[in-house]
Amino acid sequence: MGIEAKHYRVGRHPNSLAALRPAAKGEVRNPNGRPKLDCSITSAVKAELDSVPPIFEGEPNQLTWRQLIRDAWLLRAARGDAGALATLLERVEGRVTLPLSTPEPLEVRFVTISALT
């Protein structure tokens, strides 16, 4: 009574076989590729940093999230939080790097142990 489905062996359906033909030389089947989605947490946070939090909407002196975070960070550093101060200095002054060279040349010796008897 109903529509009977015709069963094909795995990989033998006509639609599957048509999709398996190799691309001709110079043929581009998907020229634009898959669209890139910008769904990272970083981009979402960056988009919100310059917005005004809901608690400050309608106030005459509106502070953005970026300004609030900056003020809280500076306050923690001023109160003696060593981690906040170190991070603040790294961001402002740059990370302290260690020199890769020494004032005098180093002598390097390689020892090969062939057998222990």
Protein backbone atom coordinates (compact mmCIF):
# COMPACT_ATOMS: atom_id res chain seq x y z
CA MET A 1 0.00 0.00 0.00
CA GLY A 2 2.70 2.45 0.91
CA ILE A 3 5.77 3.46 -0.98
CA GLU A 4 8.32 0.72 -0.92
CA ALA A 5 11.90 1.75 -0.44
CA LYS A 6 14.42 0.12 -2.68
CA HIS A 7 17.43 -1.07 -0.74
CA TYR A 8 20.89 -0.69 -2.24
CA ARG A 9 24.12 -2.18 -1.03
CA VAL A 10 26.29 0.19 0.95
CA GLY A 11 28.00 2.62 -1.43
CA ARG A 12 25.92 1.55 -4.45
CA HIS A 13 23.14 4.12 -4.36
CA PRO A 14 23.07 6.10 -7.65
CA ASN A 15 23.30 9.43 -5.79
CA SER A 16 26.36 8.23 -3.91
CA LEU A 17 28.09 7.05 -7.07
CA ALA A 18 27.48 10.38 -8.83
CA ALA A 19 29.14 12.26 -5.98
CA LEU A 20 32.24 10.08 -6.18
CA ARG A 21 33.42 11.21 -9.58
CA PRO A 22 36.80 12.94 -9.43
CA ALA A 23 37.01 16.65 -10.11
CA ALA A 24 38.26 17.61 -13.55
CA LYS A 25 41.58 19.43 -13.84
CA GLY A 26 40.99 23.09 -12.98
CA GLU A 27 37.47 22.45 -11.68
CA VAL A 28 36.66 24.02 -8.33
CA ARG A 29 33.67 22.45 -6.63
CA ASN A 30 33.45 24.74 -3.61
CA PRO A 31 35.19 28.00 -4.53
CA ASN A 32 34.42 29.91 -1.33
CA GLY A 33 34.95 26.98 1.00
CA ARG A 34 33.21 26.51 4.28
CA PRO A 35 32.25 29.83 5.87
CA LYS A 36 34.34 30.69 8.89
CA LEU A 37 32.38 31.25 12.05
CA ASP A 38 33.67 33.73 14.57
CA CYS A 39 32.45 32.06 17.73
CA SER A 40 35.49 32.32 19.99
CA ILE A 41 35.22 33.54 23.55
CA THR A 42 37.91 36.15 22.90
CA SER A 43 35.94 37.84 20.12
CA ALA A 44 32.77 37.81 22.21
CA VAL A 45 34.56 39.44 25.17
CA LYS A 46 36.25 42.03 22.92
CA ALA A 47 32.86 42.97 21.50
CA GLU A 48 31.45 43.57 25.00
CA LEU A 49 34.40 45.47 26.52
CA ASP A 50 33.33 48.85 25.12
CA SER A 51 29.67 48.44 26.04
CA VAL A 52 28.06 49.88 29.16
CA PRO A 53 27.00 47.36 31.82
CA PRO A 54 23.25 47.26 32.51
CA ILE A 55 23.70 48.71 36.01
CA PHE A 56 25.09 51.97 34.55
CA GLU A 57 22.56 52.50 31.73
CA GLY A 58 20.87 55.89 32.05
CA GLU A 59 23.53 57.27 34.42
CA PRO A 60 25.24 60.56 33.48
CA ASN A 61 28.79 59.15 33.86
CA GLN A 62 28.64 55.81 32.15
CA LEU A 63 31.65 53.53 32.54
CA THR A 64 32.35 50.74 30.09
CA TRP A 65 33.36 47.20 31.07
CA ARG A 66 36.92 48.04 29.94
CA GLN A 67 37.09 51.00 32.35
CA LEU A 68 35.61 49.01 35.24
CA ILE A 69 38.11 46.17 34.78
CA ARG A 70 40.98 48.66 34.54
CA ASP A 71 39.91 50.41 37.76
CA ALA A 72 39.50 47.11 39.64
CA TRP A 73 42.90 45.92 38.42
CA LEU A 74 44.61 49.16 39.51
CA LEU A 75 42.85 49.04 42.88
CA ARG A 76 44.03 45.46 43.54
CA ALA A 77 47.60 46.44 42.61
CA ALA A 78 47.44 49.52 44.85
CA ARG A 79 46.21 47.42 47.79
CA GLY A 80 49.28 45.21 47.54
CA ASP A 81 48.16 42.26 45.40
CA ALA A 82 51.53 41.10 44.05
CA GLY A 83 49.99 39.11 41.19
CA ALA A 84 47.93 42.06 39.97
CA LEU A 85 50.94 44.36 40.23
CA ALA A 86 53.22 41.96 38.36
CA THR A 87 50.68 41.49 35.57
CA LEU A 88 50.10 45.24 35.38
CA LEU A 89 53.83 45.94 35.08
CA GLU A 90 54.23 43.25 32.40
CA ARG A 91 51.41 44.80 30.38
CA VAL A 92 52.72 48.36 30.73
CA GLU A 93 56.50 47.93 30.72
CA GLY A 94 56.81 44.63 28.85
CA ARG A 95 57.88 41.24 30.12
CA VAL A 96 61.36 41.01 31.61
CA THR A 97 63.52 38.82 29.43
CA LEU A 98 66.62 36.93 30.42
CA PRO A 99 69.76 37.44 28.33
CA LEU A 100 70.60 34.56 26.03
CA SER A 101 74.31 35.33 25.96
CA THR A 102 76.94 35.46 28.68
CA PRO A 103 79.61 38.10 29.10
CA GLU A 104 82.37 35.52 28.62
CA PRO A 105 82.40 32.47 26.37
CA LEU A 106 81.46 29.17 27.98
CA GLU A 107 83.49 26.03 27.50
CA VAL A 108 81.33 23.02 26.72
CA ARG A 109 82.74 19.50 26.97
CA PHE A 110 81.06 16.33 25.77
CA VAL A 111 81.97 13.07 27.41
CA THR A 112 81.26 9.76 25.73
CA ILE A 113 81.03 6.68 27.85
CA SER A 114 81.65 3.64 25.68
CA ALA A 115 81.58 0.88 28.26
CA LEU A 116 81.58 0.53 31.97
CA THR A 117 83.74 -2.41 33.18
